[in-house]
Every structure is written in structure tokens, then in C-alpha cells.
Amino acid sequence: MWRRGEGEVLLYDLTSSYFEGEMEPNPKAKQGYSRDGRPDGLQVVIAQVVTTDGFPLADEVMNGNTIDSTTLSGFWDKIESTYGKAKRM
């Protein structure tokens, strides 16, 4: 059972941002699932973890063709290595 003070709730969200123009020099700009309805363009995926108060703890820009379901485990490892292990949800 979770009790106040024993754990921490973190919120995780993903979004994408597309580019107009040539982005060949940016190795993360790839075609992928577009949340902006622009599957024809290059994009990046942006991930962020925040506290319930909205305080950002970590963010990362990923390749534009990154599959959403593959991102959480790596981010979880990043949070634990930075802030230590805790009873988080």
C-alpha cells in the first residue's frame, strides 16, 4: 500500500516536433509517427518527466522514428541513476 511520504508520482509525456526545410545535418531528424499530422516531414520526439507540481526532472530529444513504447524503460533508468531509487509510479 502506498502512503504519503513513502513514494513519488512522476508524470511522463512524449510529443513530436517537425521541421520545415532541409534537416540532413541533424542526425535525429527522421520520418516517423507525426502527432502534428505531418508524416511527410522530418521530426524529433521529445520526452519529459515532471513532478505532479509540474517541476521538470528530465527531458530528452530522440530520433523522430522512435517508437513510443520503447522510450519509458530508458528514461526510468535515467531518473533512477540521477535521483536514486524510490517507490515511484
PDB file of N, CA and C in Angstrom:
ATOM      1  N   MET A   1       0.840  -1.181   0.000  1.00  0.00           N
ATOM      2  CA  MET A   1       0.000   0.000   0.000  1.00  0.00           C
ATOM      3  C   MET A   1       0.883   1.241   0.000  1.00  0.00           C
ATOM      4  N   TRP A   2       0.549   2.186  -0.861  1.00  0.00           N
ATOM      5  CA  TRP A   2       1.313   3.422  -0.951  1.00  0.00           C
ATOM      6  C   TRP A   2       0.821   4.418   0.071  1.00  0.00           C
ATOM      7  N   ARG A   3       1.743   5.003   0.810  1.00  0.00           N
ATOM      8  CA  ARG A   3       1.390   6.018   1.804  1.00  0.00           C
ATOM      9  C   ARG A   3       2.108   7.314   1.481  1.00  0.00           C
ATOM     10  N   ARG A   4       1.462   8.406   1.788  1.00  0.00           N
ATOM     11  CA  ARG A   4       2.054   9.717   1.548  1.00  0.00           C
ATOM     12  C   ARG A   4       3.424   9.796   2.215  1.00  0.00           C
ATOM     13  N   GLY A   5       4.395  10.315   1.473  1.00  0.00           N
ATOM     14  CA  GLY A   5       5.742  10.436   2.003  1.00  0.00           C
ATOM     15  C   GLY A   5       6.616   9.236   1.698  1.00  0.00           C
ATOM     16  N   GLU A   6       6.023   8.108   1.338  1.00  0.00           N
ATOM     17  CA  GLU A   6       6.814   6.916   1.040  1.00  0.00           C
ATOM     18  C   GLU A   6       7.138   6.785  -0.438  1.00  0.00           C
ATOM     19  N   GLY A   7       6.410   7.454  -1.266  1.00  0.00           N
ATOM     20  CA  GLY A   7       6.597   7.299  -2.698  1.00  0.00           C
ATOM     21  C   GLY A   7       6.556   8.622  -3.406  1.00  0.00           C
ATOM     22  N   GLU A   8       6.686   8.525  -4.714  1.00  0.00           N
ATOM     23  CA  GLU A   8       6.710   9.726  -5.520  1.00  0.00           C
ATOM     24  C   GLU A   8       6.010   9.414  -6.840  1.00  0.00           C
ATOM     25  N   VAL A   9       5.126  10.308  -7.257  1.00  0.00           N
ATOM     26  CA  VAL A   9       4.439  10.155  -8.534  1.00  0.00           C
ATOM     27  C   VAL A   9       5.140  11.058  -9.541  1.00  0.00           C
ATOM     28  N   LEU A  10       5.553  10.485 -10.660  1.00  0.00           N
ATOM     29  CA  LEU A  10       6.165  11.247 -11.739  1.00  0.00           C
ATOM     30  C   LEU A  10       5.300  11.106 -12.980  1.00  0.00           C
ATOM     31  N   LEU A  11       5.231  12.155 -13.761  1.00  0.00           N
ATOM     32  CA  LEU A  11       4.450  12.157 -14.987  1.00  0.00           C
ATOM     33  C   LEU A  11       5.406  12.157 -16.182  1.00  0.00           C
ATOM     34  N   TYR A  12       5.101  11.332 -17.168  1.00  0.00           N
ATOM     35  CA  TYR A  12       5.957  11.156 -18.342  1.00  0.00           C
ATOM     36  C   TYR A  12       5.132  11.445 -19.582  1.00  0.00           C
ATOM     37  N   ASP A  13       5.677  12.245 -20.488  1.00  0.00           N
ATOM     38  CA  ASP A  13       4.936  12.583 -21.691  1.00  0.00           C
ATOM     39  C   ASP A  13       5.877  12.670 -22.883  1.00  0.00           C
ATOM     40  N   LEU A  14       5.322  12.374 -24.049  1.00  0.00           N
ATOM     41  CA  LEU A  14       6.049  12.465 -25.306  1.00  0.00           C
ATOM     42  C   LEU A  14       5.316  13.406 -26.245  1.00  0.00           C
ATOM     43  N   THR A  15       6.062  14.096 -27.071  1.00  0.00           N
ATOM     44  CA  THR A  15       5.496  14.866 -28.155  1.00  0.00           C
ATOM     45  C   THR A  15       6.475  14.804 -29.316  1.00  0.00           C
ATOM     46  N   SER A  16       6.053  15.308 -30.449  1.00  0.00           N
ATOM     47  CA  SER A  16       6.962  15.375 -31.590  1.00  0.00           C
ATOM     48  C   SER A  16       6.926  16.781 -32.152  1.00  0.00           C
ATOM     49  N   SER A  17       7.983  17.148 -32.832  1.00  0.00           N
ATOM     50  CA  SER A  17       8.051  18.444 -33.485  1.00  0.00           C
ATOM     51  C   SER A  17       8.666  18.233 -34.857  1.00  0.00           C
ATOM     52  N   TYR A  18       8.018  18.776 -35.879  1.00  0.00           N
ATOM     53  CA  TYR A  18       8.511  18.572 -37.234  1.00  0.00           C
ATOM     54  C   TYR A  18       9.292  19.792 -37.716  1.00  0.00           C
ATOM     55  N   PHE A  19      10.066  19.581 -38.757  1.00  0.00           N
ATOM     56  CA  PHE A  19      10.899  20.622 -39.326  1.00  0.00           C
ATOM     57  C   PHE A  19      10.436  20.953 -40.729  1.00  0.00           C
ATOM     58  N   GLU A  20      10.591  22.183 -41.101  1.00  0.00           N
ATOM     59  CA  GLU A  20      10.418  22.578 -42.487  1.00  0.00           C
ATOM     60  C   GLU A  20      11.793  22.975 -42.997  1.00  0.00           C
ATOM     61  N   GLY A  21      12.095  22.579 -44.224  1.00  0.00           N
ATOM     62  CA  GLY A  21      13.419  22.841 -44.775  1.00  0.00           C
ATOM     63  C   GLY A  21      14.272  21.594 -44.702  1.00  0.00           C
ATOM     64  N   GLU A  22      15.527  21.740 -45.005  1.00  0.00           N
ATOM     65  CA  GLU A  22      16.431  20.592 -45.032  1.00  0.00           C
ATOM     66  C   GLU A  22      17.033  20.349 -43.655  1.00  0.00           C
ATOM     67  N   MET A  23      16.946  19.101 -43.217  1.00  0.00           N
ATOM     68  CA  MET A  23      17.459  18.742 -41.899  1.00  0.00           C
ATOM     69  C   MET A  23      18.476  17.609 -41.965  1.00  0.00           C
ATOM     70  N   GLU A  24      19.071  17.385 -43.116  1.00  0.00           N
ATOM     71  CA  GLU A  24      20.037  16.294 -43.222  1.00  0.00           C
ATOM     72  C   GLU A  24      21.180  16.396 -42.203  1.00  0.00           C
ATOM     73  N   PRO A  25      21.639  17.608 -41.846  1.00  0.00           N
ATOM     74  CA  PRO A  25      22.728  17.674 -40.856  1.00  0.00           C
ATOM     75  C   PRO A  25      22.329  17.205 -39.456  1.00  0.00           C
ATOM     76  N   ASN A  26      21.038  17.184 -39.148  1.00  0.00           N
ATOM     77  CA  ASN A  26      20.588  16.759 -37.824  1.00  0.00           C
ATOM     78  C   ASN A  26      20.346  15.250 -37.844  1.00  0.00           C
ATOM     79  N   PRO A  27      21.185  14.462 -37.175  1.00  0.00           N
ATOM     80  CA  PRO A  27      21.043  13.007 -37.241  1.00  0.00           C
ATOM     81  C   PRO A  27      19.778  12.475 -36.553  1.00  0.00           C
ATOM     82  N   LYS A  28      19.140  13.253 -35.696  1.00  0.00           N
ATOM     83  CA  LYS A  28      17.930  12.794 -35.010  1.00  0.00           C
ATOM     84  C   LYS A  28      16.665  13.066 -35.813  1.00  0.00           C
ATOM     85  N   ALA A  29      16.743  13.909 -36.829  1.00  0.00           N
ATOM     86  CA  ALA A  29      15.574  14.239 -37.641  1.00  0.00           C
ATOM     87  C   ALA A  29      15.265  13.068 -38.569  1.00  0.00           C
ATOM     88  N   LYS A  30      14.150  12.398 -38.303  1.00  0.00           N
ATOM     89  CA  LYS A  30      13.743  11.206 -39.058  1.00  0.00           C
ATOM     90  C   LYS A  30      12.243  11.274 -39.339  1.00  0.00           C
ATOM     91  N   GLN A  31      11.803  10.503 -40.309  1.00  0.00           N
ATOM     92  CA  GLN A  31      10.367  10.367 -40.532  1.00  0.00           C
ATOM     93  C   GLN A  31       9.825   9.334 -39.561  1.00  0.00           C
ATOM     94  N   GLY A  32       8.684   9.640 -38.971  1.00  0.00           N
ATOM     95  CA  GLY A  32       8.065   8.733 -38.011  1.00  0.00           C
ATOM     96  C   GLY A  32       6.624   9.112 -37.788  1.00  0.00           C
ATOM     97  N   TYR A  33       6.014   8.545 -36.742  1.00  0.00           N
ATOM     98  CA  TYR A  33       4.628   8.858 -36.415  1.00  0.00           C
ATOM     99  C   TYR A  33       4.531  10.337 -36.035  1.00  0.00           C
ATOM    100  N   SER A  34       3.739  11.089 -36.770  1.00  0.00           N
ATOM    101  CA  SER A  34       3.638  12.530 -36.545  1.00  0.00           C
ATOM    102  C   SER A  34       2.378  12.875 -35.763  1.00  0.00           C
ATOM    103  N   ARG A  35       2.539  13.437 -34.589  1.00  0.00           N
ATOM    104  CA  ARG A  35       1.403  13.910 -33.797  1.00  0.00           C
ATOM    105  C   ARG A  35       0.842  15.207 -34.384  1.00  0.00           C
ATOM    106  N   ASP A  36       1.599  15.822 -35.289  1.00  0.00           N
ATOM    107  CA  ASP A  36       1.180  17.072 -35.921  1.00  0.00           C
ATOM    108  C   ASP A  36       0.457  16.840 -37.245  1.00  0.00           C
ATOM    109  N   GLY A  37       0.256  15.588 -37.627  1.00  0.00           N
ATOM    110  CA  GLY A  37      -0.395  15.289 -38.886  1.00  0.00           C
ATOM    111  C   GLY A  37       0.482  15.579 -40.092  1.00  0.00           C
ATOM    112  N   ARG A  38       1.805  15.515 -39.898  1.00  0.00           N
ATOM    113  CA  ARG A  38       2.750  15.797 -40.979  1.00  0.00           C
ATOM    114  C   ARG A  38       3.680  14.613 -41.204  1.00  0.00           C
ATOM    115  N   PRO A  39       3.161  13.494 -41.675  1.00  0.00           N
ATOM    116  CA  PRO A  39       4.009  12.323 -41.884  1.00  0.00           C
ATOM    117  C   PRO A  39       5.009  12.481 -43.024  1.00  0.00           C
ATOM    118  N   ASP A  40       4.887  13.560 -43.791  1.00  0.00           N
ATOM    119  CA  ASP A  40       5.773  13.782 -44.923  1.00  0.00           C
ATOM    120  C   ASP A  40       7.091  14.444 -44.532  1.00  0.00           C
ATOM    121  N   GLY A  41       7.207  14.942 -43.301  1.00  0.00           N
ATOM    122  CA  GLY A  41       8.389  15.703 -42.912  1.00  0.00           C
ATOM    123  C   GLY A  41       9.255  14.990 -41.892  1.00  0.00           C
ATOM    124  N   LEU A  42      10.432  15.556 -41.698  1.00  0.00           N
ATOM    125  CA  LEU A  42      11.346  15.049 -40.676  1.00  0.00           C
ATOM    126  C   LEU A  42      10.949  15.632 -39.329  1.00  0.00           C
ATOM    127  N   GLN A  43      11.172  14.863 -38.281  1.00  0.00           N
ATOM    128  CA  GLN A  43      10.778  15.302 -36.948  1.00  0.00           C
ATOM    129  C   GLN A  43      11.724  14.730 -35.902  1.00  0.00           C
ATOM    130  N   VAL A  44      11.565  15.206 -34.674  1.00  0.00           N
ATOM    131  CA  VAL A  44      12.202  14.624 -33.499  1.00  0.00           C
ATOM    132  C   VAL A  44      11.101  14.301 -32.496  1.00  0.00           C
ATOM    133  N   VAL A  45      11.376  13.370 -31.587  1.00  0.00           N
ATOM    134  CA  VAL A  45      10.471  13.035 -30.490  1.00  0.00           C
ATOM    135  C   VAL A  45      11.066  13.644 -29.227  1.00  0.00           C
ATOM    136  N   ILE A  46      10.235  14.318 -28.453  1.00  0.00           N
ATOM    137  CA  ILE A  46      10.688  14.976 -27.229  1.00  0.00           C
ATOM    138  C   ILE A  46       9.987  14.322 -26.047  1.00  0.00           C
ATOM    139  N   ALA A  47      10.781  13.872 -25.076  1.00  0.00           N
ATOM    140  CA  ALA A  47      10.246  13.226 -23.875  1.00  0.00           C
ATOM    141  C   ALA A  47      10.567  14.091 -22.662  1.00  0.00           C
ATOM    142  N   GLN A  48       9.654  14.080 -21.690  1.00  0.00           N
ATOM    143  CA  GLN A  48       9.882  14.849 -20.471  1.00  0.00           C
ATOM    144  C   GLN A  48       9.239  14.152 -19.281  1.00  0.00           C
ATOM    145  N   VAL A  49       9.919  14.210 -18.146  1.00  0.00           N
ATOM    146  CA  VAL A  49       9.392  13.723 -16.874  1.00  0.00           C
ATOM    147  C   VAL A  49       9.247  14.925 -15.959  1.00  0.00           C
ATOM    148  N   VAL A  50       8.045  15.062 -15.359  1.00  0.00           N
ATOM    149  CA  VAL A  50       7.787  16.160 -14.431  1.00  0.00           C
ATOM    150  C   VAL A  50       7.170  15.621 -13.152  1.00  0.00           C
ATOM    151  N   THR A  51       7.272  16.391 -12.083  1.00  0.00           N
ATOM    152  CA  THR A  51       6.603  16.054 -10.829  1.00  0.00           C
ATOM    153  C   THR A  51       5.134  16.445 -10.952  1.00  0.00           C
ATOM    154  N   THR A  52       4.333  16.063  -9.976  1.00  0.00           N
ATOM    155  CA  THR A  52       2.916  16.442 -10.002  1.00  0.00           C
ATOM    156  C   THR A  52       2.732  17.945  -9.850  1.00  0.00           C
ATOM    157  N   ASP A  53       3.755  18.646  -9.390  1.00  0.00           N
ATOM    158  CA  ASP A  53       3.712  20.111  -9.303  1.00  0.00           C
ATOM    159  C   ASP A  53       4.140  20.764 -10.608  1.00  0.00           C
ATOM    160  N   GLY A  54       4.529  19.942 -11.592  1.00  0.00           N
ATOM    161  CA  GLY A  54       4.951  20.471 -12.888  1.00  0.00           C
ATOM    162  C   GLY A  54       6.424  20.798 -12.982  1.00  0.00           C
ATOM    163  N   PHE A  55       7.212  20.420 -11.962  1.00  0.00           N
ATOM    164  CA  PHE A  55       8.641  20.684 -11.976  1.00  0.00           C
ATOM    165  C   PHE A  55       9.327  19.663 -12.889  1.00  0.00           C
ATOM    166  N   PRO A  56      10.020  20.110 -13.942  1.00  0.00           N
ATOM    167  CA  PRO A  56      10.675  19.160 -14.845  1.00  0.00           C
ATOM    168  C   PRO A  56      11.904  18.527 -14.206  1.00  0.00           C
ATOM    169  N   LEU A  57      11.996  17.205 -14.303  1.00  0.00           N
ATOM    170  CA  LEU A  57      13.152  16.490 -13.776  1.00  0.00           C
ATOM    171  C   LEU A  57      14.127  16.084 -14.867  1.00  0.00           C
ATOM    172  N   ALA A  58      13.611  15.738 -16.024  1.00  0.00           N
ATOM    173  CA  ALA A  58      14.485  15.287 -17.108  1.00  0.00           C
ATOM    174  C   ALA A  58      13.759  15.448 -18.433  1.00  0.00           C
ATOM    175  N   ASP A  59      14.548  15.677 -19.471  1.00  0.00           N
ATOM    176  CA  ASP A  59      13.983  15.698 -20.814  1.00  0.00           C
ATOM    177  C   ASP A  59      15.032  15.150 -21.771  1.00  0.00           C
ATOM    178  N   GLU A  60      14.553  14.758 -22.926  1.00  0.00           N
ATOM    179  CA  GLU A  60      15.450  14.186 -23.919  1.00  0.00           C
ATOM    180  C   GLU A  60      14.839  14.348 -25.305  1.00  0.00           C
ATOM    181  N   VAL A  61      15.689  14.646 -26.271  1.00  0.00           N
ATOM    182  CA  VAL A  61      15.277  14.700 -27.667  1.00  0.00           C
ATOM    183  C   VAL A  61      15.764  13.408 -28.314  1.00  0.00           C
ATOM    184  N   MET A  62      14.819  12.673 -28.922  1.00  0.00           N
ATOM    185  CA  MET A  62      15.119  11.366 -29.516  1.00  0.00           C
ATOM    186  C   MET A  62      14.909  11.406 -31.022  1.00  0.00           C
ATOM    187  N   ASN A  63      15.376  10.376 -31.687  1.00  0.00           N
ATOM    188  CA  ASN A  63      15.172  10.253 -33.122  1.00  0.00           C
ATOM    189  C   ASN A  63      13.684  10.336 -33.450  1.00  0.00           C
ATOM    190  N   GLY A  64      13.366  10.931 -34.576  1.00  0.00           N
ATOM    191  CA  GLY A  64      11.986  11.124 -34.990  1.00  0.00           C
ATOM    192  C   GLY A  64      11.232   9.849 -35.284  1.00  0.00           C
ATOM    193  N   ASN A  65      11.946   8.753 -35.501  1.00  0.00           N
ATOM    194  CA  ASN A  65      11.275   7.477 -35.773  1.00  0.00           C
ATOM    195  C   ASN A  65      11.260   6.563 -34.553  1.00  0.00           C
ATOM    196  N   THR A  66      11.489   7.127 -33.365  1.00  0.00           N
ATOM    197  CA  THR A  66      11.467   6.355 -32.130  1.00  0.00           C
ATOM    198  C   THR A  66      10.039   5.903 -31.829  1.00  0.00           C
ATOM    199  N   ILE A  67       9.868   4.644 -31.497  1.00  0.00           N
ATOM    200  CA  ILE A  67       8.554   4.094 -31.158  1.00  0.00           C
ATOM    201  C   ILE A  67       8.258   4.425 -29.696  1.00  0.00           C
ATOM    202  N   ASP A  68       7.091   5.016 -29.452  1.00  0.00           N
ATOM    203  CA  ASP A  68       6.723   5.487 -28.107  1.00  0.00           C
ATOM    204  C   ASP A  68       6.941   4.436 -27.022  1.00  0.00           C
ATOM    205  N   SER A  69       6.491   3.224 -27.278  1.00  0.00           N
ATOM    206  CA  SER A  69       6.528   2.186 -26.242  1.00  0.00           C
ATOM    207  C   SER A  69       7.943   1.752 -25.875  1.00  0.00           C
ATOM    208  N   THR A  70       8.951   2.180 -26.613  1.00  0.00           N
ATOM    209  CA  THR A  70      10.332   1.792 -26.306  1.00  0.00           C
ATOM    210  C   THR A  70      11.068   2.831 -25.473  1.00  0.00           C
ATOM    211  N   THR A  71      10.420   3.941 -25.140  1.00  0.00           N
ATOM    212  CA  THR A  71      11.133   5.050 -24.515  1.00  0.00           C
ATOM    213  C   THR A  71      11.151   5.029 -22.993  1.00  0.00           C
ATOM    214  N   LEU A  72      10.139   4.467 -22.357  1.00  0.00           N
ATOM    215  CA  LEU A  72       9.992   4.603 -20.907  1.00  0.00           C
ATOM    216  C   LEU A  72      11.092   3.910 -20.113  1.00  0.00           C
ATOM    217  N   SER A  73      11.500   2.710 -20.494  1.00  0.00           N
ATOM    218  CA  SER A  73      12.492   1.987 -19.686  1.00  0.00           C
ATOM    219  C   SER A  73      13.823   2.735 -19.627  1.00  0.00           C
ATOM    220  N   GLY A  74      14.249   3.315 -20.724  1.00  0.00           N
ATOM    221  CA  GLY A  74      15.491   4.084 -20.714  1.00  0.00           C
ATOM    222  C   GLY A  74      15.378   5.332 -19.875  1.00  0.00           C
ATOM    223  N   PHE A  75      14.231   5.975 -19.926  1.00  0.00           N
ATOM    224  CA  PHE A  75      14.016   7.161 -19.119  1.00  0.00           C
ATOM    225  C   PHE A  75      13.958   6.808 -17.643  1.00  0.00           C
ATOM    226  N   TRP A  76      13.327   5.687 -17.318  1.00  0.00           N
ATOM    227  CA  TRP A  76      13.254   5.227 -15.929  1.00  0.00           C
ATOM    228  C   TRP A  76      14.668   5.036 -15.372  1.00  0.00           C
ATOM    229  N   ASP A  77      15.541   4.411 -16.165  1.00  0.00           N
ATOM    230  CA  ASP A  77      16.936   4.211 -15.749  1.00  0.00           C
ATOM    231  C   ASP A  77      17.636   5.551 -15.513  1.00  0.00           C
ATOM    232  N   LYS A  78      17.368   6.517 -16.391  1.00  0.00           N
ATOM    233  CA  LYS A  78      17.971   7.849 -16.252  1.00  0.00           C
ATOM    234  C   LYS A  78      17.528   8.518 -14.947  1.00  0.00           C
ATOM    235  N   ILE A  79      16.244   8.430 -14.611  1.00  0.00           N
ATOM    236  CA  ILE A  79      15.724   9.030 -13.375  1.00  0.00           C
ATOM    237  C   ILE A  79      16.350   8.356 -12.159  1.00  0.00           C
ATOM    238  N   GLU A  80      16.414   7.021 -12.165  1.00  0.00           N
ATOM    239  CA  GLU A  80      16.981   6.318 -11.012  1.00  0.00           C
ATOM    240  C   GLU A  80      18.474   6.591 -10.854  1.00  0.00           C
ATOM    241  N   SER A  81      19.214   6.704 -11.948  1.00  0.00           N
ATOM    242  CA  SER A  81      20.642   6.972 -11.822  1.00  0.00           C
ATOM    243  C   SER A  81      20.902   8.404 -11.357  1.00  0.00           C
ATOM    244  N   THR A  82      20.003   9.325 -11.683  1.00  0.00           N
ATOM    245  CA  THR A  82      20.179  10.722 -11.284  1.00  0.00           C
ATOM    246  C   THR A  82      19.664  10.990  -9.877  1.00  0.00           C
ATOM    247  N   TYR A  83      18.483  10.467  -9.545  1.00  0.00           N
ATOM    248  CA  TYR A  83      17.824  10.802  -8.286  1.00  0.00           C
ATOM    249  C   TYR A  83      17.771   9.664  -7.284  1.00  0.00           C
ATOM    250  N   GLY A  84      18.294   8.495  -7.649  1.00  0.00           N
ATOM    251  CA  GLY A  84      18.272   7.354  -6.754  1.00  0.00           C
ATOM    252  C   GLY A  84      16.965   6.578  -6.878  1.00  0.00           C
ATOM    253  N   LYS A  85      16.982   5.371  -6.332  1.00  0.00           N
ATOM    254  CA  LYS A  85      15.784   4.534  -6.388  1.00  0.00           C
ATOM    255  C   LYS A  85      14.805   4.968  -5.302  1.00  0.00           C
ATOM    256  N   ALA A  86      13.542   4.917  -5.661  1.00  0.00           N
ATOM    257  CA  ALA A  86      12.471   5.266  -4.723  1.00  0.00           C
ATOM    258  C   ALA A  86      11.237   4.485  -5.122  1.00  0.00           C
ATOM    259  N   LYS A  87      10.222   4.566  -4.299  1.00  0.00           N
ATOM    260  CA  LYS A  87       8.939   3.945  -4.625  1.00  0.00           C
ATOM    261  C   LYS A  87       8.185   4.903  -5.530  1.00  0.00           C
ATOM    262  N   ARG A  88       8.469   4.804  -6.824  1.00  0.00           N
ATOM    263  CA  ARG A  88       7.861   5.741  -7.782  1.00  0.00           C
ATOM    264  C   ARG A  88       6.810   5.048  -8.597  1.00  0.00           C
ATOM    265  N   MET A  89       5.841   5.851  -9.058  1.00  0.00           N
ATOM    266  CA  MET A  89       4.837   5.370 -10.000  1.00  0.00           C
ATOM    267  C   MET A  89       4.913   6.260 -11.217  1.00  0.00           C
TER     268      MET A  89
END
